[in-house]
PDB file of all heavy atoms in Angstrom:
ATOM      1  N   ALA A   1     -16.254  -9.122  -8.638  1.00  0.00           N
ATOM      2  CA  ALA A   1     -16.100  -8.742  -7.227  1.00  0.00           C
ATOM      3  C   ALA A   1     -14.749  -9.195  -6.672  1.00  0.00           C
ATOM      4  O   ALA A   1     -14.106  -8.466  -5.924  1.00  0.00           O
ATOM      5  CB  ALA A   1     -17.237  -9.336  -6.400  1.00  0.00           C
ATOM      6  N   ALA A   2     -14.309 -10.406  -7.056  1.00  0.00           N
ATOM      7  CA  ALA A   2     -13.021 -10.901  -6.576  1.00  0.00           C
ATOM      8  C   ALA A   2     -11.878 -10.048  -7.106  1.00  0.00           C
ATOM      9  O   ALA A   2     -10.944  -9.696  -6.370  1.00  0.00           O
ATOM     10  CB  ALA A   2     -12.833 -12.354  -7.005  1.00  0.00           C
ATOM     11  N   ARG A   3     -11.961  -9.699  -8.383  1.00  0.00           N
ATOM     12  CA  ARG A   3     -10.920  -8.834  -8.963  1.00  0.00           C
ATOM     13  C   ARG A   3     -10.909  -7.467  -8.295  1.00  0.00           C
ATOM     14  O   ARG A   3      -9.841  -6.913  -7.987  1.00  0.00           O
ATOM     15  CB  ARG A   3     -11.165  -8.689 -10.467  1.00  0.00           C
ATOM     16  CG  ARG A   3     -10.182  -7.773 -11.176  1.00  0.00           C
ATOM     17  CD  ARG A   3     -10.519  -7.656 -12.651  1.00  0.00           C
ATOM     18  NE  ARG A   3      -9.658  -6.701 -13.325  1.00  0.00           N
ATOM     19  CZ  ARG A   3      -9.872  -5.387 -13.326  1.00  0.00           C
ATOM     20  NH1 ARG A   3     -10.942  -4.881 -12.703  1.00  0.00           N
ATOM     21  NH2 ARG A   3      -9.043  -4.573 -13.953  1.00  0.00           N
ATOM     22  N   HIS A   4     -12.091  -6.919  -8.044  1.00  0.00           N
ATOM     23  CA  HIS A   4     -12.193  -5.603  -7.402  1.00  0.00           C
ATOM     24  C   HIS A   4     -11.604  -5.639  -5.989  1.00  0.00           C
ATOM     25  O   HIS A   4     -10.885  -4.720  -5.574  1.00  0.00           O
ATOM     26  CB  HIS A   4     -13.660  -5.171  -7.353  1.00  0.00           C
ATOM     27  CG  HIS A   4     -13.888  -3.865  -6.662  1.00  0.00           C
ATOM     28  ND1 HIS A   4     -13.465  -2.655  -7.170  1.00  0.00           N
ATOM     29  CD2 HIS A   4     -14.504  -3.576  -5.477  1.00  0.00           C
ATOM     30  CE1 HIS A   4     -13.798  -1.690  -6.348  1.00  0.00           C
ATOM     31  NE2 HIS A   4     -14.423  -2.217  -5.313  1.00  0.00           N
ATOM     32  N   GLN A   5     -11.897  -6.706  -5.253  1.00  0.00           N
ATOM     33  CA  GLN A   5     -11.389  -6.826  -3.887  1.00  0.00           C
ATOM     34  C   GLN A   5      -9.863  -6.942  -3.871  1.00  0.00           C
ATOM     35  O   GLN A   5      -9.195  -6.342  -3.031  1.00  0.00           O
ATOM     36  CB  GLN A   5     -12.017  -8.047  -3.209  1.00  0.00           C
ATOM     37  CG  GLN A   5     -11.617  -8.245  -1.756  1.00  0.00           C
ATOM     38  CD  GLN A   5     -12.079  -7.102  -0.864  1.00  0.00           C
ATOM     39  OE1 GLN A   5     -13.102  -6.485  -1.106  1.00  0.00           O
ATOM     40  NE2 GLN A   5     -11.301  -6.807   0.165  1.00  0.00           N
ATOM     41  N   MET A   6      -9.322  -7.701  -4.804  1.00  0.00           N
ATOM     42  CA  MET A   6      -7.873  -7.863  -4.850  1.00  0.00           C
ATOM     43  C   MET A   6      -7.174  -6.584  -5.302  1.00  0.00           C
ATOM     44  O   MET A   6      -6.057  -6.279  -4.861  1.00  0.00           O
ATOM     45  CB  MET A   6      -7.504  -9.036  -5.752  1.00  0.00           C
ATOM     46  CG  MET A   6      -8.035 -10.367  -5.247  1.00  0.00           C
ATOM     47  SD  MET A   6      -7.412 -11.804  -6.133  1.00  0.00           S
ATOM     48  CE  MET A   6      -5.785 -11.949  -5.428  1.00  0.00           C
ATOM     49  N   LEU A   7      -7.820  -5.805  -6.153  1.00  0.00           N
ATOM     50  CA  LEU A   7      -7.266  -4.500  -6.516  1.00  0.00           C
ATOM     51  C   LEU A   7      -7.194  -3.584  -5.302  1.00  0.00           C
ATOM     52  O   LEU A   7      -6.204  -2.853  -5.112  1.00  0.00           O
ATOM     53  CB  LEU A   7      -8.122  -3.861  -7.616  1.00  0.00           C
ATOM     54  CG  LEU A   7      -7.893  -4.346  -9.039  1.00  0.00           C
ATOM     55  CD1 LEU A   7      -8.930  -3.736  -9.972  1.00  0.00           C
ATOM     56  CD2 LEU A   7      -6.494  -3.974  -9.519  1.00  0.00           C
ATOM     57  N   LYS A   8      -8.234  -3.619  -4.477  1.00  0.00           N
ATOM     58  CA  LYS A   8      -8.216  -2.834  -3.240  1.00  0.00           C
ATOM     59  C   LYS A   8      -7.085  -3.292  -2.322  1.00  0.00           C
ATOM     60  O   LYS A   8      -6.438  -2.469  -1.661  1.00  0.00           O
ATOM     61  CB  LYS A   8      -9.561  -2.951  -2.526  1.00  0.00           C
ATOM     62  CG  LYS A   8     -10.711  -2.239  -3.217  1.00  0.00           C
ATOM     63  CD  LYS A   8     -12.046  -2.551  -2.561  1.00  0.00           C
ATOM     64  CE  LYS A   8     -12.093  -2.124  -1.121  1.00  0.00           C
ATOM     65  NZ  LYS A   8     -13.425  -2.393  -0.524  1.00  0.00           N
ATOM     66  N   MET A   9      -6.835  -4.592  -2.286  1.00  0.00           N
ATOM     67  CA  MET A   9      -5.762  -5.115  -1.454  1.00  0.00           C
ATOM     68  C   MET A   9      -4.401  -4.616  -1.924  1.00  0.00           C
ATOM     69  O   MET A   9      -3.528  -4.285  -1.104  1.00  0.00           O
ATOM     70  CB  MET A   9      -5.798  -6.646  -1.451  1.00  0.00           C
ATOM     71  CG  MET A   9      -6.988  -7.247  -0.730  1.00  0.00           C
ATOM     72  SD  MET A   9      -7.130  -9.037  -0.972  1.00  0.00           S
ATOM     73  CE  MET A   9      -5.592  -9.589  -0.248  1.00  0.00           C
ATOM     74  N   THR A  10      -4.192  -4.540  -3.243  1.00  0.00           N
ATOM     75  CA  THR A  10      -2.915  -4.037  -3.742  1.00  0.00           C
ATOM     76  C   THR A  10      -2.702  -2.579  -3.344  1.00  0.00           C
ATOM     77  O   THR A  10      -1.594  -2.181  -2.976  1.00  0.00           O
ATOM     78  CB  THR A  10      -2.836  -4.164  -5.272  1.00  0.00           C
ATOM     79  OG1 THR A  10      -3.902  -3.405  -5.880  1.00  0.00           O
ATOM     80  CG2 THR A  10      -2.962  -5.606  -5.711  1.00  0.00           C
ATOM     81  N   VAL A  11      -3.767  -1.786  -3.403  1.00  0.00           N
ATOM     82  CA  VAL A  11      -3.661  -0.377  -2.998  1.00  0.00           C
ATOM     83  C   VAL A  11      -3.360  -0.266  -1.508  1.00  0.00           C
ATOM     84  O   VAL A  11      -2.508   0.526  -1.077  1.00  0.00           O
ATOM     85  CB  VAL A  11      -4.954   0.388  -3.350  1.00  0.00           C
ATOM     86  CG1 VAL A  11      -4.908   1.812  -2.807  1.00  0.00           C
ATOM     87  CG2 VAL A  11      -5.173   0.406  -4.858  1.00  0.00           C
ATOM     88  N   GLN A  12      -4.034  -1.079  -0.698  1.00  0.00           N
ATOM     89  CA  GLN A  12      -3.816  -1.041   0.747  1.00  0.00           C
ATOM     90  C   GLN A  12      -2.387  -1.438   1.108  1.00  0.00           C
ATOM     91  O   GLN A  12      -1.742  -0.803   1.950  1.00  0.00           O
ATOM     92  CB  GLN A  12      -4.814  -1.964   1.445  1.00  0.00           C
ATOM     93  CG  GLN A  12      -6.251  -1.479   1.386  1.00  0.00           C
ATOM     94  CD  GLN A  12      -7.233  -2.504   1.931  1.00  0.00           C
ATOM     95  OE1 GLN A  12      -6.865  -3.643   2.221  1.00  0.00           O
ATOM     96  NE2 GLN A  12      -8.488  -2.109   2.067  1.00  0.00           N
ATOM     97  N   ILE A  13      -1.871  -2.483   0.472  1.00  0.00           N
ATOM     98  CA  ILE A  13      -0.519  -2.939   0.789  1.00  0.00           C
ATOM     99  C   ILE A  13       0.515  -1.905   0.345  1.00  0.00           C
ATOM    100  O   ILE A  13       1.470  -1.604   1.078  1.00  0.00           O
ATOM    101  CB  ILE A  13      -0.239  -4.307   0.138  1.00  0.00           C
ATOM    102  CG1 ILE A  13      -1.149  -5.374   0.738  1.00  0.00           C
ATOM    103  CG2 ILE A  13       1.221  -4.704   0.340  1.00  0.00           C
ATOM    104  CD1 ILE A  13      -1.041  -6.732   0.052  1.00  0.00           C
ATOM    105  N   SER A  14       0.338  -1.354  -0.859  1.00  0.00           N
ATOM    106  CA  SER A  14       1.299  -0.347  -1.329  1.00  0.00           C
ATOM    107  C   SER A  14       1.273   0.894  -0.441  1.00  0.00           C
ATOM    108  O   SER A  14       2.327   1.479  -0.144  1.00  0.00           O
ATOM    109  CB  SER A  14       0.996   0.032  -2.784  1.00  0.00           C
ATOM    110  OG  SER A  14      -0.281   0.640  -2.892  1.00  0.00           O
ATOM    111  N   ASN A  15       0.090   1.296   0.000  1.00  0.00           N
ATOM    112  CA  ASN A  15      -0.007   2.441   0.915  1.00  0.00           C
ATOM    113  C   ASN A  15       0.655   2.130   2.259  1.00  0.00           C
ATOM    114  O   ASN A  15       1.285   3.002   2.871  1.00  0.00           O
ATOM    115  CB  ASN A  15      -1.467   2.831   1.127  1.00  0.00           C
ATOM    116  CG  ASN A  15      -2.073   3.503  -0.082  1.00  0.00           C
ATOM    117  OD1 ASN A  15      -1.358   3.976  -0.970  1.00  0.00           O
ATOM    118  ND2 ASN A  15      -3.395   3.556  -0.136  1.00  0.00           N
ATOM    119  N   GLN A  16       0.499   0.886   2.718  1.00  0.00           N
ATOM    120  CA  GLN A  16       1.143   0.478   3.961  1.00  0.00           C
ATOM    121  C   GLN A  16       2.664   0.553   3.832  1.00  0.00           C
ATOM    122  O   GLN A  16       3.360   1.035   4.743  1.00  0.00           O
ATOM    123  CB  GLN A  16       0.714  -0.944   4.316  1.00  0.00           C
ATOM    124  CG  GLN A  16       1.354  -1.513   5.573  1.00  0.00           C
ATOM    125  CD  GLN A  16       0.856  -0.839   6.844  1.00  0.00           C
ATOM    126  OE1 GLN A  16      -0.173  -0.183   6.829  1.00  0.00           O
ATOM    127  NE2 GLN A  16       1.602  -1.001   7.925  1.00  0.00           N
ATOM    128  N   ILE A  17       3.188   0.097   2.711  1.00  0.00           N
ATOM    129  CA  ILE A  17       4.637   0.151   2.489  1.00  0.00           C
ATOM    130  C   ILE A  17       5.120   1.594   2.470  1.00  0.00           C
ATOM    131  O   ILE A  17       6.131   1.946   3.105  1.00  0.00           O
ATOM    132  CB  ILE A  17       4.994  -0.569   1.176  1.00  0.00           C
ATOM    133  CG1 ILE A  17       4.720  -2.075   1.313  1.00  0.00           C
ATOM    134  CG2 ILE A  17       6.449  -0.329   0.807  1.00  0.00           C
ATOM    135  CD1 ILE A  17       4.890  -2.851   0.018  1.00  0.00           C
ATOM    136  N   ARG A  18       4.419   2.446   1.741  1.00  0.00           N
ATOM    137  CA  ARG A  18       4.808   3.858   1.678  1.00  0.00           C
ATOM    138  C   ARG A  18       4.783   4.501   3.061  1.00  0.00           C
ATOM    139  O   ARG A  18       5.682   5.266   3.433  1.00  0.00           O
ATOM    140  CB  ARG A  18       3.863   4.620   0.738  1.00  0.00           C
ATOM    141  CG  ARG A  18       4.008   4.252  -0.728  1.00  0.00           C
ATOM    142  CD  ARG A  18       2.970   4.988  -1.557  1.00  0.00           C
ATOM    143  NE  ARG A  18       3.017   4.638  -2.959  1.00  0.00           N
ATOM    144  CZ  ARG A  18       3.811   5.211  -3.856  1.00  0.00           C
ATOM    145  NH1 ARG A  18       4.629   6.184  -3.479  1.00  0.00           N
ATOM    146  NH2 ARG A  18       3.787   4.826  -5.125  1.00  0.00           N
ATOM    147  N   GLY A  19       3.720   4.207   3.839  1.00  0.00           N
ATOM    148  CA  GLY A  19       3.599   4.808   5.159  1.00  0.00           C
ATOM    149  C   GLY A  19       4.693   4.358   6.107  1.00  0.00           C
ATOM    150  O   GLY A  19       5.247   5.174   6.871  1.00  0.00           O
ATOM    151  N   VAL A  20       5.025   3.068   6.071  1.00  0.00           N
ATOM    152  CA  VAL A  20       6.084   2.550   6.949  1.00  0.00           C
ATOM    153  C   VAL A  20       7.430   3.181   6.599  1.00  0.00           C
ATOM    154  O   VAL A  20       8.206   3.567   7.486  1.00  0.00           O
ATOM    155  CB  VAL A  20       6.145   1.006   6.831  1.00  0.00           C
ATOM    156  CG1 VAL A  20       7.422   0.471   7.486  1.00  0.00           C
ATOM    157  CG2 VAL A  20       4.922   0.378   7.479  1.00  0.00           C
ATOM    158  N   MET A  21       7.724   3.297   5.335  1.00  0.00           N
ATOM    159  CA  MET A  21       9.023   3.822   4.917  1.00  0.00           C
ATOM    160  C   MET A  21       9.151   5.320   5.191  1.00  0.00           C
ATOM    161  O   MET A  21      10.261   5.817   5.439  1.00  0.00           O
ATOM    162  CB  MET A  21       9.242   3.508   3.431  1.00  0.00           C
ATOM    163  CG  MET A  21       9.343   2.015   3.139  1.00  0.00           C
ATOM    164  SD  MET A  21       9.605   1.602   1.404  1.00  0.00           S
ATOM    165  CE  MET A  21      11.245   2.260   1.133  1.00  0.00           C
ATOM    166  N   LYS A  22       8.028   6.047   5.155  1.00  0.00           N
ATOM    167  CA  LYS A  22       8.084   7.475   5.469  1.00  0.00           C
ATOM    168  C   LYS A  22       8.571   7.714   6.891  1.00  0.00           C
ATOM    169  O   LYS A  22       9.269   8.692   7.178  1.00  0.00           O
ATOM    170  CB  LYS A  22       6.697   8.097   5.293  1.00  0.00           C
ATOM    171  CG  LYS A  22       6.306   8.391   3.865  1.00  0.00           C
ATOM    172  CD  LYS A  22       4.924   9.015   3.816  1.00  0.00           C
ATOM    173  CE  LYS A  22       4.477   9.250   2.383  1.00  0.00           C
ATOM    174  NZ  LYS A  22       3.104   9.839   2.347  1.00  0.00           N
ATOM    175  N   THR A  23       8.174   6.820   7.800  1.00  0.00           N
ATOM    176  CA  THR A  23       8.569   6.960   9.201  1.00  0.00           C
ATOM    177  C   THR A  23      10.087   6.995   9.348  1.00  0.00           C
ATOM    178  O   THR A  23      10.629   7.663  10.249  1.00  0.00           O
ATOM    179  CB  THR A  23       7.991   5.800  10.033  1.00  0.00           C
ATOM    180  OG1 THR A  23       6.581   5.756   9.855  1.00  0.00           O
ATOM    181  CG2 THR A  23       8.315   5.960  11.514  1.00  0.00           C
ATOM    182  N   PHE A  24      10.792   6.305   8.455  1.00  0.00           N
ATOM    183  CA  PHE A  24      12.246   6.232   8.534  1.00  0.00           C
ATOM    184  C   PHE A  24      12.922   7.156   7.518  1.00  0.00           C
ATOM    185  O   PHE A  24      14.104   7.002   7.202  1.00  0.00           O
ATOM    186  CB  PHE A  24      12.708   4.789   8.307  1.00  0.00           C
ATOM    187  CG  PHE A  24      12.236   3.848   9.377  1.00  0.00           C
ATOM    188  CD1 PHE A  24      11.010   3.212   9.265  1.00  0.00           C
ATOM    189  CD2 PHE A  24      12.994   3.609  10.511  1.00  0.00           C
ATOM    190  CE1 PHE A  24      10.562   2.343  10.248  1.00  0.00           C
ATOM    191  CE2 PHE A  24      12.554   2.751  11.498  1.00  0.00           C
ATOM    192  CZ  PHE A  24      11.337   2.121  11.377  1.00  0.00           C
ATOM    193  N   GLY A  25      12.156   8.121   6.999  1.00  0.00           N
ATOM    194  CA  GLY A  25      12.725   9.099   6.090  1.00  0.00           C
ATOM    195  C   GLY A  25      12.948   8.607   4.683  1.00  0.00           C
ATOM    196  O   GLY A  25      13.665   9.242   3.905  1.00  0.00           O
ATOM    197  N   LEU A  26      12.337   7.487   4.313  1.00  0.00           N
ATOM    198  CA  LEU A  26      12.482   6.935   2.967  1.00  0.00           C
ATOM    199  C   LEU A  26      11.200   7.234   2.187  1.00  0.00           C
ATOM    200  O   LEU A  26      10.178   6.586   2.372  1.00  0.00           O
ATOM    201  CB  LEU A  26      12.740   5.425   3.026  1.00  0.00           C
ATOM    202  CG  LEU A  26      13.953   4.982   3.856  1.00  0.00           C
ATOM    203  CD1 LEU A  26      14.052   3.467   3.889  1.00  0.00           C
ATOM    204  CD2 LEU A  26      15.232   5.592   3.293  1.00  0.00           C
ATOM    205  N   ILE A  27      11.256   8.236   1.334  1.00  0.00           N
ATOM    206  CA  ILE A  27      10.074   8.682   0.581  1.00  0.00           C
ATOM    207  C   ILE A  27      10.054   7.982  -0.770  1.00  0.00           C
ATOM    208  O   ILE A  27      10.976   8.163  -1.590  1.00  0.00           O
ATOM    209  CB  ILE A  27      10.087  10.208   0.392  1.00  0.00           C
ATOM    210  CG1 ILE A  27      10.311  10.922   1.733  1.00  0.00           C
ATOM    211  CG2 ILE A  27       8.791  10.661  -0.264  1.00  0.00           C
ATOM    212  CD1 ILE A  27       9.269  10.615   2.785  1.00  0.00           C
ATOM    213  N   VAL A  28       9.028   7.194  -0.992  1.00  0.00           N
ATOM    214  CA  VAL A  28       8.886   6.469  -2.262  1.00  0.00           C
ATOM    215  C   VAL A  28       8.271   7.407  -3.298  1.00  0.00           C
ATOM    216  O   VAL A  28       7.176   7.944  -3.074  1.00  0.00           O
ATOM    217  CB  VAL A  28       8.006   5.222  -2.088  1.00  0.00           C
ATOM    218  CG1 VAL A  28       7.913   4.454  -3.415  1.00  0.00           C
ATOM    219  CG2 VAL A  28       8.572   4.317  -0.999  1.00  0.00           C
TER     220      VAL A  28
END
């Protein structure tokens, strides 16, 4: 369960980074 939760956190953080950068025209 701990590993699964941390995997979800990595996906959430990477998606957050992609979304923030899109706002400024930086497409990852």
